[in-house]
Amino acid sequence: MATSNPLSAIFSLLFLIVACFYLFRLVSVRPWIDHVDAENEVGHAMMAIGMMVMLAPAGILTSDLIRWNIILFALASLWWTIRLFARKPLLAILLRTNGGYSTFRSDAIHVFMHVGMCYMFLLMSSMAFSMTQAATYVNCLFFISFAFLTFFYGREISKDVHTTKMDRLHLGANTAHLLMSGMMCWMFLGMISMTMRMVSP
């Protein structure tokens, strides 16, 4: 789903920075397994890399690559859904460590974003499916939801900037969330616009 080459390159670079940011957060604290929510950092880095794949030129974006991304994000969605109800990182449960805790809202947002990524790759894999009325309704729902999420993180960034003691890692995380949710919002808007152009007389 690459746009014009310069714009795609700029956004790909931004998402590469986002992926590196979360990988830095993953390895910056020792011992990481007891104090850092590794799933959170890996999940964000995976979404950033997935968006880089979406922005790749058509020659690189093969059907096999899209198919593997569908499987990857479907599994990630399942992982985060189980974690949502377990109320604790699954890695911490499996390794019997304290791990890092996250809120129900944070985990629910992760489920939503991974499902959105899986669905977007599904649309990219089948043009016929993406043109159906049902897909258009779902696209509109995702667009509205990601628009709301983008606004939410914009407000969180405003709060971070106006605090007396700024937490740069927290600000960076909210900025990355804003960028990713904004990109998903833009991509779903592009899908809706493309569908409307193709079905209009």
N, C-alpha and C. Protein backbone atom coordinates (compact mmCIF):
# COMPACT_ATOMS: atom_id res chain seq x y z
N MET A 1 0.84 -1.19 0.00
CA MET A 1 0.00 0.00 0.00
C MET A 1 0.88 1.24 0.00
N ALA A 2 1.92 1.24 -0.78
CA ALA A 2 2.82 2.37 -0.82
C ALA A 2 2.17 3.55 -1.51
N THR A 3 2.42 4.74 -0.95
CA THR A 3 1.95 5.96 -1.58
C THR A 3 3.05 6.46 -2.49
N SER A 4 3.14 7.78 -2.69
CA SER A 4 4.23 8.31 -3.50
C SER A 4 5.55 7.96 -2.83
N ASN A 5 6.58 7.72 -3.62
CA ASN A 5 7.85 7.24 -3.10
C ASN A 5 8.47 8.11 -2.01
N PRO A 6 8.55 9.44 -2.18
CA PRO A 6 9.16 10.26 -1.12
C PRO A 6 8.41 10.17 0.20
N LEU A 7 7.07 10.19 0.15
CA LEU A 7 6.26 10.11 1.36
C LEU A 7 6.41 8.75 2.02
N SER A 8 6.42 7.70 1.23
CA SER A 8 6.60 6.35 1.76
C SER A 8 7.96 6.22 2.43
N ALA A 9 8.99 6.79 1.82
CA ALA A 9 10.34 6.72 2.39
C ALA A 9 10.42 7.46 3.72
N ILE A 10 9.77 8.62 3.80
CA ILE A 10 9.78 9.40 5.04
C ILE A 10 9.09 8.63 6.17
N PHE A 11 7.90 8.09 5.88
CA PHE A 11 7.16 7.34 6.90
C PHE A 11 7.89 6.05 7.27
N SER A 12 8.50 5.39 6.29
CA SER A 12 9.27 4.17 6.60
C SER A 12 10.42 4.48 7.53
N LEU A 13 11.09 5.61 7.31
CA LEU A 13 12.18 6.02 8.19
C LEU A 13 11.67 6.30 9.60
N LEU A 14 10.51 6.96 9.69
CA LEU A 14 9.92 7.24 11.00
C LEU A 14 9.58 5.95 11.74
N PHE A 15 9.04 4.98 11.03
CA PHE A 15 8.69 3.72 11.68
C PHE A 15 9.93 2.90 12.03
N LEU A 16 11.00 3.05 11.27
CA LEU A 16 12.26 2.42 11.63
C LEU A 16 12.77 3.01 12.95
N ILE A 17 12.64 4.32 13.10
CA ILE A 17 13.04 4.98 14.34
C ILE A 17 12.17 4.50 15.51
N VAL A 18 10.86 4.35 15.25
CA VAL A 18 9.95 3.84 16.28
C VAL A 18 10.35 2.43 16.71
N ALA A 19 10.65 1.56 15.74
CA ALA A 19 11.06 0.19 16.05
C ALA A 19 12.34 0.19 16.87
N CYS A 20 13.30 1.01 16.49
CA CYS A 20 14.56 1.10 17.23
C CYS A 20 14.34 1.65 18.64
N PHE A 21 13.41 2.60 18.77
CA PHE A 21 13.08 3.18 20.07
C PHE A 21 12.58 2.11 21.03
N TYR A 22 11.66 1.26 20.55
CA TYR A 22 11.12 0.23 21.43
C TYR A 22 12.13 -0.88 21.70
N LEU A 23 12.98 -1.20 20.75
CA LEU A 23 14.03 -2.18 21.00
C LEU A 23 15.04 -1.62 22.00
N PHE A 24 15.29 -0.31 21.94
CA PHE A 24 16.15 0.33 22.94
C PHE A 24 15.53 0.24 24.33
N ARG A 25 14.23 0.49 24.42
CA ARG A 25 13.54 0.38 25.70
C ARG A 25 13.61 -1.04 26.24
N LEU A 26 13.60 -2.02 25.33
CA LEU A 26 13.63 -3.42 25.73
C LEU A 26 14.95 -3.79 26.40
N VAL A 27 16.05 -3.27 25.86
CA VAL A 27 17.38 -3.69 26.35
C VAL A 27 18.02 -2.67 27.28
N SER A 28 17.36 -1.55 27.53
CA SER A 28 18.00 -0.48 28.30
C SER A 28 17.96 -0.69 29.81
N VAL A 29 17.11 -1.63 30.28
CA VAL A 29 16.99 -1.87 31.72
C VAL A 29 17.48 -3.27 32.04
N ARG A 30 18.25 -3.40 33.11
CA ARG A 30 18.76 -4.69 33.58
C ARG A 30 18.31 -4.92 35.01
N PRO A 31 17.91 -6.18 35.38
CA PRO A 31 17.61 -7.28 34.47
C PRO A 31 16.25 -7.09 33.84
N TRP A 32 16.19 -7.16 32.52
CA TRP A 32 14.98 -6.78 31.79
C TRP A 32 13.78 -7.64 32.11
N ILE A 33 13.96 -8.93 32.37
CA ILE A 33 12.81 -9.82 32.50
C ILE A 33 12.01 -9.53 33.76
N ASP A 34 12.61 -8.94 34.78
CA ASP A 34 11.90 -8.68 36.02
C ASP A 34 11.28 -7.29 36.08
N HIS A 35 11.76 -6.37 35.27
CA HIS A 35 11.32 -4.99 35.41
C HIS A 35 10.67 -4.40 34.16
N VAL A 36 10.84 -5.03 33.04
CA VAL A 36 10.32 -4.49 31.80
C VAL A 36 9.27 -5.42 31.22
N ASP A 37 8.21 -4.85 30.71
CA ASP A 37 7.19 -5.63 30.00
C ASP A 37 7.69 -5.88 28.59
N ALA A 38 8.42 -6.98 28.43
CA ALA A 38 9.06 -7.27 27.14
C ALA A 38 8.04 -7.41 26.02
N GLU A 39 6.87 -7.98 26.33
CA GLU A 39 5.85 -8.16 25.30
C GLU A 39 5.38 -6.82 24.75
N ASN A 40 5.28 -5.84 25.62
CA ASN A 40 4.85 -4.50 25.20
C ASN A 40 5.84 -3.90 24.21
N GLU A 41 7.13 -3.99 24.52
CA GLU A 41 8.15 -3.42 23.65
C GLU A 41 8.23 -4.15 22.32
N VAL A 42 8.21 -5.49 22.38
CA VAL A 42 8.27 -6.29 21.15
C VAL A 42 7.02 -6.07 20.30
N GLY A 43 5.85 -5.97 20.95
CA GLY A 43 4.61 -5.75 20.22
C GLY A 43 4.62 -4.43 19.46
N HIS A 44 5.13 -3.37 20.10
CA HIS A 44 5.21 -2.07 19.44
C HIS A 44 6.21 -2.09 18.28
N ALA A 45 7.37 -2.71 18.52
CA ALA A 45 8.38 -2.80 17.46
C ALA A 45 7.84 -3.59 16.27
N MET A 46 7.09 -4.65 16.57
CA MET A 46 6.52 -5.48 15.50
C MET A 46 5.52 -4.68 14.68
N MET A 47 4.68 -3.86 15.35
CA MET A 47 3.73 -3.04 14.61
C MET A 47 4.43 -2.01 13.73
N ALA A 48 5.51 -1.42 14.25
CA ALA A 48 6.26 -0.43 13.47
C ALA A 48 6.87 -1.08 12.23
N ILE A 49 7.43 -2.27 12.41
CA ILE A 49 8.03 -2.99 11.27
C ILE A 49 6.94 -3.40 10.28
N GLY A 50 5.77 -3.81 10.81
CA GLY A 50 4.65 -4.17 9.94
C GLY A 50 4.20 -3.00 9.08
N MET A 51 4.21 -1.80 9.65
CA MET A 51 3.84 -0.63 8.87
C MET A 51 4.88 -0.29 7.82
N MET A 52 6.15 -0.58 8.12
CA MET A 52 7.19 -0.41 7.10
C MET A 52 6.93 -1.36 5.94
N VAL A 53 6.48 -2.59 6.25
CA VAL A 53 6.17 -3.56 5.19
C VAL A 53 5.01 -3.04 4.33
N MET A 54 3.99 -2.47 4.98
CA MET A 54 2.85 -1.93 4.23
C MET A 54 3.27 -0.83 3.26
N LEU A 55 4.27 -0.08 3.65
CA LEU A 55 4.72 1.05 2.84
C LEU A 55 5.77 0.65 1.80
N ALA A 56 6.12 -0.63 1.77
CA ALA A 56 7.16 -1.09 0.84
C ALA A 56 6.67 -1.00 -0.61
N PRO A 57 7.59 -0.80 -1.55
CA PRO A 57 7.21 -0.78 -2.98
C PRO A 57 6.54 -2.08 -3.40
N ALA A 58 5.73 -2.00 -4.43
CA ALA A 58 4.95 -3.15 -4.88
C ALA A 58 5.83 -4.35 -5.23
N GLY A 59 7.03 -4.11 -5.75
CA GLY A 59 7.91 -5.20 -6.12
C GLY A 59 8.41 -6.00 -4.93
N ILE A 60 8.52 -5.35 -3.78
CA ILE A 60 8.98 -6.02 -2.56
C ILE A 60 7.82 -6.68 -1.83
N LEU A 61 6.64 -6.08 -1.92
CA LEU A 61 5.46 -6.54 -1.18
C LEU A 61 4.82 -7.72 -1.91
N THR A 62 5.41 -8.89 -1.76
CA THR A 62 4.92 -10.09 -2.43
C THR A 62 3.73 -10.68 -1.69
N SER A 63 3.01 -11.57 -2.36
CA SER A 63 1.85 -12.22 -1.74
C SER A 63 2.27 -13.08 -0.54
N ASP A 64 3.44 -13.71 -0.63
CA ASP A 64 3.93 -14.52 0.49
C ASP A 64 4.24 -13.65 1.70
N LEU A 65 4.85 -12.49 1.46
CA LEU A 65 5.17 -11.59 2.56
C LEU A 65 3.89 -11.10 3.24
N ILE A 66 2.89 -10.77 2.44
CA ILE A 66 1.61 -10.33 3.00
C ILE A 66 0.96 -11.47 3.79
N ARG A 67 1.01 -12.67 3.25
CA ARG A 67 0.40 -13.83 3.92
C ARG A 67 1.06 -14.10 5.27
N TRP A 68 2.38 -14.03 5.32
CA TRP A 68 3.07 -14.26 6.59
C TRP A 68 2.77 -13.17 7.61
N ASN A 69 2.56 -11.96 7.14
CA ASN A 69 2.19 -10.87 8.05
C ASN A 69 0.78 -11.07 8.59
N ILE A 70 -0.12 -11.60 7.77
CA ILE A 70 -1.47 -11.92 8.25
C ILE A 70 -1.39 -12.93 9.39
N ILE A 71 -0.61 -13.98 9.18
CA ILE A 71 -0.46 -15.02 10.20
C ILE A 71 0.18 -14.45 11.46
N LEU A 72 1.25 -13.66 11.27
CA LEU A 72 1.98 -13.09 12.40
C LEU A 72 1.07 -12.21 13.27
N PHE A 73 0.32 -11.31 12.63
CA PHE A 73 -0.52 -10.40 13.40
C PHE A 73 -1.77 -11.08 13.92
N ALA A 74 -2.22 -12.16 13.27
CA ALA A 74 -3.33 -12.94 13.82
C ALA A 74 -2.89 -13.62 15.12
N LEU A 75 -1.68 -14.19 15.11
CA LEU A 75 -1.14 -14.82 16.32
C LEU A 75 -0.89 -13.78 17.41
N ALA A 76 -0.38 -12.60 17.01
CA ALA A 76 -0.15 -11.54 17.99
C ALA A 76 -1.47 -11.06 18.60
N SER A 77 -2.52 -10.97 17.77
CA SER A 77 -3.84 -10.58 18.27
C SER A 77 -4.36 -11.59 19.30
N LEU A 78 -4.15 -12.87 19.00
CA LEU A 78 -4.57 -13.92 19.93
C LEU A 78 -3.78 -13.84 21.22
N TRP A 79 -2.47 -13.62 21.11
CA TRP A 79 -1.60 -13.50 22.29
C TRP A 79 -2.09 -12.36 23.20
N TRP A 80 -2.35 -11.20 22.61
CA TRP A 80 -2.77 -10.04 23.40
C TRP A 80 -4.18 -10.20 23.94
N THR A 81 -5.03 -10.94 23.23
CA THR A 81 -6.38 -11.20 23.74
C THR A 81 -6.33 -12.08 24.98
N ILE A 82 -5.49 -13.12 24.93
CA ILE A 82 -5.33 -13.99 26.11
C ILE A 82 -4.74 -13.19 27.26
N ARG A 83 -3.75 -12.36 26.97
CA ARG A 83 -3.13 -11.54 28.00
C ARG A 83 -4.14 -10.56 28.60
N LEU A 84 -5.04 -10.04 27.76
CA LEU A 84 -6.06 -9.10 28.23
C LEU A 84 -6.90 -9.71 29.34
N PHE A 85 -7.27 -10.98 29.16
CA PHE A 85 -8.10 -11.65 30.17
C PHE A 85 -7.27 -12.24 31.31
N ALA A 86 -6.00 -12.56 31.03
CA ALA A 86 -5.12 -13.07 32.09
C ALA A 86 -4.71 -11.95 33.05
N ARG A 87 -4.78 -10.71 32.56
CA ARG A 87 -4.43 -9.50 33.35
C ARG A 87 -2.97 -9.49 33.78
N LYS A 88 -2.14 -10.16 32.98
CA LYS A 88 -0.71 -10.20 33.28
C LYS A 88 0.04 -10.63 32.03
N PRO A 89 1.26 -10.09 31.79
CA PRO A 89 2.04 -10.54 30.64
C PRO A 89 2.21 -12.06 30.61
N LEU A 90 1.94 -12.67 29.46
CA LEU A 90 2.02 -14.13 29.36
C LEU A 90 3.45 -14.63 29.55
N LEU A 91 4.42 -13.84 29.14
CA LEU A 91 5.82 -14.22 29.31
C LEU A 91 6.15 -14.35 30.80
N ALA A 92 5.60 -13.43 31.60
CA ALA A 92 5.83 -13.49 33.04
C ALA A 92 5.18 -14.73 33.65
N ILE A 93 4.01 -15.11 33.12
CA ILE A 93 3.33 -16.31 33.61
C ILE A 93 4.13 -17.56 33.24
N LEU A 94 4.59 -17.63 31.98
CA LEU A 94 5.31 -18.81 31.50
C LEU A 94 6.64 -18.98 32.23
N LEU A 95 7.35 -17.86 32.49
CA LEU A 95 8.66 -17.93 33.14
C LEU A 95 8.58 -17.79 34.65
N ARG A 96 7.36 -17.61 35.16
CA ARG A 96 7.11 -17.50 36.60
C ARG A 96 7.94 -16.39 37.23
N THR A 97 7.89 -15.24 36.60
CA THR A 97 8.57 -14.06 37.14
C THR A 97 7.53 -12.99 37.45
N ASN A 98 7.95 -11.95 38.14
CA ASN A 98 7.04 -10.85 38.46
C ASN A 98 6.61 -10.12 37.20
N GLY A 99 7.58 -9.89 36.32
CA GLY A 99 7.29 -9.22 35.05
C GLY A 99 6.80 -7.80 35.24
N GLY A 100 6.39 -7.18 34.15
CA GLY A 100 5.85 -5.83 34.20
C GLY A 100 4.36 -5.87 33.96
N TYR A 101 3.62 -5.10 34.72
CA TYR A 101 2.17 -5.09 34.61
C TYR A 101 1.72 -3.93 33.73
N SER A 102 0.62 -4.12 33.02
CA SER A 102 0.03 -3.06 32.23
C SER A 102 -1.45 -2.98 32.56
N THR A 103 -2.08 -1.91 32.17
CA THR A 103 -3.49 -1.72 32.47
C THR A 103 -4.37 -2.44 31.46
N PHE A 104 -5.62 -2.63 31.83
CA PHE A 104 -6.59 -3.25 30.93
C PHE A 104 -6.74 -2.41 29.66
N ARG A 105 -6.76 -1.07 29.82
CA ARG A 105 -6.89 -0.19 28.65
C ARG A 105 -5.73 -0.36 27.69
N SER A 106 -4.52 -0.43 28.22
CA SER A 106 -3.33 -0.58 27.38
C SER A 106 -3.38 -1.89 26.59
N ASP A 107 -3.73 -2.98 27.26
CA ASP A 107 -3.80 -4.27 26.59
C ASP A 107 -4.91 -4.30 25.54
N ALA A 108 -6.06 -3.66 25.86
CA ALA A 108 -7.17 -3.61 24.91
C ALA A 108 -6.77 -2.84 23.65
N ILE A 109 -6.00 -1.75 23.82
CA ILE A 109 -5.51 -0.98 22.66
C ILE A 109 -4.58 -1.84 21.81
N HIS A 110 -3.73 -2.64 22.48
CA HIS A 110 -2.83 -3.53 21.74
C HIS A 110 -3.62 -4.56 20.94
N VAL A 111 -4.65 -5.13 21.54
CA VAL A 111 -5.50 -6.08 20.81
C VAL A 111 -6.08 -5.41 19.57
N PHE A 112 -6.63 -4.22 19.77
CA PHE A 112 -7.26 -3.49 18.66
C PHE A 112 -6.26 -3.18 17.55
N MET A 113 -5.07 -2.72 17.91
CA MET A 113 -4.09 -2.34 16.89
C MET A 113 -3.56 -3.55 16.14
N HIS A 114 -3.33 -4.67 16.85
CA HIS A 114 -2.86 -5.87 16.16
C HIS A 114 -3.94 -6.45 15.26
N VAL A 115 -5.20 -6.42 15.71
CA VAL A 115 -6.31 -6.87 14.86
C VAL A 115 -6.41 -5.97 13.63
N GLY A 116 -6.25 -4.65 13.83
CA GLY A 116 -6.28 -3.71 12.71
C GLY A 116 -5.18 -3.98 11.70
N MET A 117 -3.97 -4.31 12.20
CA MET A 117 -2.86 -4.63 11.30
C MET A 117 -3.15 -5.91 10.52
N CYS A 118 -3.66 -6.93 11.21
CA CYS A 118 -3.98 -8.19 10.55
C CYS A 118 -5.04 -7.97 9.47
N TYR A 119 -6.06 -7.20 9.80
CA TYR A 119 -7.14 -6.93 8.85
C TYR A 119 -6.64 -6.13 7.65
N MET A 120 -5.77 -5.16 7.88
CA MET A 120 -5.24 -4.36 6.78
C MET A 120 -4.43 -5.23 5.81
N PHE A 121 -3.61 -6.14 6.35
CA PHE A 121 -2.88 -7.05 5.48
C PHE A 121 -3.84 -7.98 4.73
N LEU A 122 -4.95 -8.35 5.38
CA LEU A 122 -5.95 -9.18 4.72
C LEU A 122 -6.56 -8.44 3.54
N LEU A 123 -6.84 -7.15 3.72
CA LEU A 123 -7.35 -6.33 2.63
C LEU A 123 -6.34 -6.26 1.48
N MET A 124 -5.06 -6.12 1.84
CA MET A 124 -4.03 -6.01 0.83
C MET A 124 -3.85 -7.32 0.05
N SER A 125 -4.24 -8.43 0.68
CA SER A 125 -4.05 -9.73 0.03
C SER A 125 -5.14 -10.04 -0.98
N SER A 126 -6.30 -9.36 -0.86
CA SER A 126 -7.43 -9.67 -1.76
C SER A 126 -8.14 -8.38 -2.15
N MET A 127 -7.96 -7.96 -3.37
CA MET A 127 -8.63 -6.76 -3.87
C MET A 127 -10.14 -6.99 -3.96
N ALA A 128 -10.53 -8.22 -4.31
CA ALA A 128 -11.95 -8.53 -4.43
C ALA A 128 -12.65 -8.38 -3.08
N PHE A 129 -12.02 -8.88 -2.02
CA PHE A 129 -12.60 -8.76 -0.68
C PHE A 129 -12.64 -7.31 -0.23
N SER A 130 -11.61 -6.54 -0.53
CA SER A 130 -11.54 -5.15 -0.08
C SER A 130 -12.62 -4.28 -0.73
N MET A 131 -13.18 -4.74 -1.86
CA MET A 131 -14.20 -3.96 -2.55
C MET A 131 -15.63 -4.32 -2.11
N THR A 132 -15.79 -5.31 -1.25
CA THR A 132 -17.12 -5.70 -0.82
C THR A 132 -17.73 -4.65 0.11
N GLN A 133 -19.05 -4.64 0.19
CA GLN A 133 -19.76 -3.69 1.04
C GLN A 133 -19.42 -3.91 2.51
N ALA A 134 -19.33 -5.19 2.90
CA ALA A 134 -19.01 -5.51 4.29
C ALA A 134 -17.64 -4.96 4.68
N ALA A 135 -16.66 -5.12 3.79
CA ALA A 135 -15.31 -4.61 4.05
C ALA A 135 -15.33 -3.09 4.17
N THR A 136 -16.14 -2.42 3.36
CA THR A 136 -16.24 -0.96 3.42
C THR A 136 -16.78 -0.50 4.77
N TYR A 137 -17.79 -1.20 5.28
CA TYR A 137 -18.35 -0.86 6.59
C TYR A 137 -17.30 -1.05 7.70
N VAL A 138 -16.57 -2.15 7.61
CA VAL A 138 -15.53 -2.43 8.61
C VAL A 138 -14.41 -1.38 8.50
N ASN A 139 -14.06 -1.00 7.26
CA ASN A 139 -13.03 0.03 7.07
C ASN A 139 -13.45 1.35 7.72
N CYS A 140 -14.71 1.71 7.57
CA CYS A 140 -15.21 2.95 8.18
C CYS A 140 -15.13 2.88 9.70
N LEU A 141 -15.47 1.71 10.24
CA LEU A 141 -15.41 1.54 11.70
C LEU A 141 -13.98 1.65 12.20
N PHE A 142 -13.04 1.01 11.48
CA PHE A 142 -11.63 1.11 11.87
C PHE A 142 -11.13 2.55 11.73
N PHE A 143 -11.53 3.22 10.67
CA PHE A 143 -11.10 4.61 10.46
C PHE A 143 -11.54 5.50 11.62
N ILE A 144 -12.80 5.40 12.00
CA ILE A 144 -13.31 6.21 13.11
C ILE A 144 -12.59 5.87 14.42
N SER A 145 -12.37 4.57 14.65
CA SER A 145 -11.71 4.13 15.87
C SER A 145 -10.27 4.61 15.95
N PHE A 146 -9.53 4.50 14.83
CA PHE A 146 -8.15 4.96 14.83
C PHE A 146 -8.05 6.48 14.88
N ALA A 147 -9.04 7.17 14.32
CA ALA A 147 -9.08 8.63 14.43
C ALA A 147 -9.24 9.04 15.89
N PHE A 148 -10.13 8.35 16.60
CA PHE A 148 -10.33 8.61 18.02
C PHE A 148 -9.05 8.32 18.80
N LEU A 149 -8.39 7.20 18.46
CA LEU A 149 -7.16 6.82 19.14
C LEU A 149 -6.05 7.83 18.89
N THR A 150 -5.98 8.35 17.67
CA THR A 150 -4.99 9.38 17.33
C THR A 150 -5.23 10.64 18.16
N PHE A 151 -6.50 11.04 18.27
CA PHE A 151 -6.85 12.21 19.09
C PHE A 151 -6.48 11.97 20.55
N PHE A 152 -6.75 10.76 21.04
CA PHE A 152 -6.44 10.41 22.43
C PHE A 152 -4.95 10.57 22.72
N TYR A 153 -4.09 10.04 21.82
CA TYR A 153 -2.65 10.13 22.05
C TYR A 153 -2.13 11.55 21.84
N GLY A 154 -2.79 12.31 20.97
CA GLY A 154 -2.44 13.72 20.85
C GLY A 154 -2.68 14.46 22.16
N ARG A 155 -3.78 14.14 22.83
CA ARG A 155 -4.07 14.76 24.12
C ARG A 155 -3.07 14.31 25.19
N GLU A 156 -2.66 13.02 25.13
CA GLU A 156 -1.68 12.53 26.09
C GLU A 156 -0.32 13.22 25.91
N ILE A 157 0.05 13.47 24.65
CA ILE A 157 1.31 14.19 24.38
C ILE A 157 1.23 15.60 24.94
N SER A 158 0.09 16.25 24.78
CA SER A 158 -0.10 17.60 25.32
C SER A 158 0.07 17.60 26.83
N LYS A 159 -0.45 16.58 27.50
CA LYS A 159 -0.28 16.47 28.95
C LYS A 159 1.19 16.27 29.32
N ASP A 160 1.88 15.41 28.54
CA ASP A 160 3.30 15.16 28.81
C ASP A 160 4.14 16.43 28.69
N VAL A 161 3.84 17.21 27.66
CA VAL A 161 4.61 18.43 27.40
C VAL A 161 4.40 19.46 28.50
N HIS A 162 3.20 19.50 29.07
CA HIS A 162 2.88 20.53 30.05
C HIS A 162 3.09 20.10 31.50
N THR A 163 3.67 18.91 31.72
CA THR A 163 3.98 18.50 33.08
C THR A 163 5.25 19.21 33.56
N THR A 164 5.37 19.37 34.87
CA THR A 164 6.53 20.07 35.43
C THR A 164 7.81 19.27 35.23
N LYS A 165 7.70 17.92 35.34
CA LYS A 165 8.88 17.07 35.14
C LYS A 165 8.57 16.10 34.00
N MET A 166 9.12 16.37 32.83
CA MET A 166 8.79 15.57 31.65
C MET A 166 9.50 14.23 31.65
N ASP A 167 8.74 13.16 31.42
CA ASP A 167 9.27 11.82 31.25
C ASP A 167 9.48 11.60 29.76
N ARG A 168 10.73 11.66 29.31
CA ARG A 168 11.01 11.61 27.87
C ARG A 168 10.64 10.26 27.26
N LEU A 169 10.83 9.16 28.00
CA LEU A 169 10.47 7.85 27.47
C LEU A 169 8.96 7.74 27.32
N HIS A 170 8.22 8.28 28.29
CA HIS A 170 6.76 8.25 28.20
C HIS A 170 6.27 9.12 27.05
N LEU A 171 6.90 10.29 26.90
CA LEU A 171 6.56 11.17 25.77
C LEU A 171 6.87 10.49 24.44
N GLY A 172 8.02 9.81 24.38
CA GLY A 172 8.39 9.09 23.16
C GLY A 172 7.41 7.98 22.83
N ALA A 173 6.95 7.27 23.88
CA ALA A 173 5.99 6.19 23.67
C ALA A 173 4.66 6.74 23.15
N ASN A 174 4.19 7.83 23.73
CA ASN A 174 2.93 8.43 23.26
C ASN A 174 3.06 8.98 21.84
N THR A 175 4.23 9.52 21.53
CA THR A 175 4.47 10.02 20.17
C THR A 175 4.46 8.88 19.16
N ALA A 176 5.08 7.76 19.55
CA ALA A 176 5.08 6.58 18.67
C ALA A 176 3.66 6.05 18.48
N HIS A 177 2.88 6.03 19.57
CA HIS A 177 1.48 5.60 19.47
C HIS A 177 0.69 6.53 18.54
N LEU A 178 0.93 7.82 18.67
CA LEU A 178 0.25 8.79 17.82
C LEU A 178 0.58 8.55 16.35
N LEU A 179 1.85 8.31 16.07
CA LEU A 179 2.30 8.09 14.70
C LEU A 179 1.68 6.82 14.12
N MET A 180 1.67 5.74 14.90
CA MET A 180 1.15 4.48 14.40
C MET A 180 -0.37 4.51 14.23
N SER A 181 -1.08 5.07 15.21
CA SER A 181 -2.53 5.14 15.07
C SER A 181 -2.93 6.10 13.95
N GLY A 182 -2.18 7.20 13.81
CA GLY A 182 -2.44 8.14 12.73
C GLY A 182 -2.22 7.52 11.37
N MET A 183 -1.17 6.69 11.24
CA MET A 183 -0.90 6.02 9.98
C MET A 183 -2.00 5.02 9.64
N MET A 184 -2.47 4.27 10.65
CA MET A 184 -3.56 3.33 10.41
C MET A 184 -4.83 4.06 10.00
N CYS A 185 -5.10 5.18 10.64
CA CYS A 185 -6.25 6.01 10.28
C CYS A 185 -6.15 6.45 8.82
N TRP A 186 -4.98 6.91 8.43
CA TRP A 186 -4.74 7.38 7.06
C TRP A 186 -4.88 6.24 6.05
N MET A 187 -4.37 5.06 6.41
CA MET A 187 -4.45 3.91 5.50
C MET A 187 -5.89 3.46 5.29
N PHE A 188 -6.68 3.44 6.37
CA PHE A 188 -8.08 3.05 6.21
C PHE A 188 -8.86 4.10 5.43
N LEU A 189 -8.50 5.36 5.62
CA LEU A 189 -9.13 6.41 4.82
C LEU A 189 -8.80 6.23 3.35
N GLY A 190 -7.55 5.86 3.06
CA GLY A 190 -7.14 5.60 1.68
C GLY A 190 -7.91 4.42 1.08
N MET A 191 -8.14 3.37 1.89
CA MET A 191 -8.91 2.22 1.41
C MET A 191 -10.35 2.62 1.09
N ILE A 192 -10.94 3.42 1.98
CA ILE A 192 -12.32 3.86 1.76
C ILE A 192 -12.42 4.72 0.50
N SER A 193 -11.46 5.63 0.33
CA SER A 193 -11.46 6.50 -0.85
C SER A 193 -11.29 5.70 -2.13
N MET A 194 -10.41 4.70 -2.11
CA MET A 194 -10.17 3.87 -3.29
C MET A 194 -11.43 3.08 -3.66
N THR A 195 -12.11 2.55 -2.63
CA THR A 195 -13.34 1.79 -2.87
C THR A 195 -14.42 2.67 -3.48
N MET A 196 -14.56 3.90 -2.96
CA MET A 196 -15.57 4.82 -3.46
C MET A 196 -15.30 5.21 -4.92
N ARG A 197 -14.01 5.38 -5.26
CA ARG A 197 -13.66 5.74 -6.64
C ARG A 197 -13.96 4.58 -7.60
N MET A 198 -13.73 3.36 -7.14
CA MET A 198 -13.88 2.20 -8.03
C MET A 198 -15.34 1.81 -8.23
N VAL A 199 -16.19 2.09 -7.24
CA VAL A 199 -17.59 1.69 -7.38
C VAL A 199 -18.47 2.81 -7.93
N SER A 200 -17.91 4.03 -7.95
CA SER A 200 -18.71 5.17 -8.45
C SER A 200 -18.84 5.05 -9.98
N PRO A 201 -20.01 5.45 -10.54
CA PRO A 201 -20.23 5.33 -11.99
C PRO A 201 -19.35 6.29 -12.77
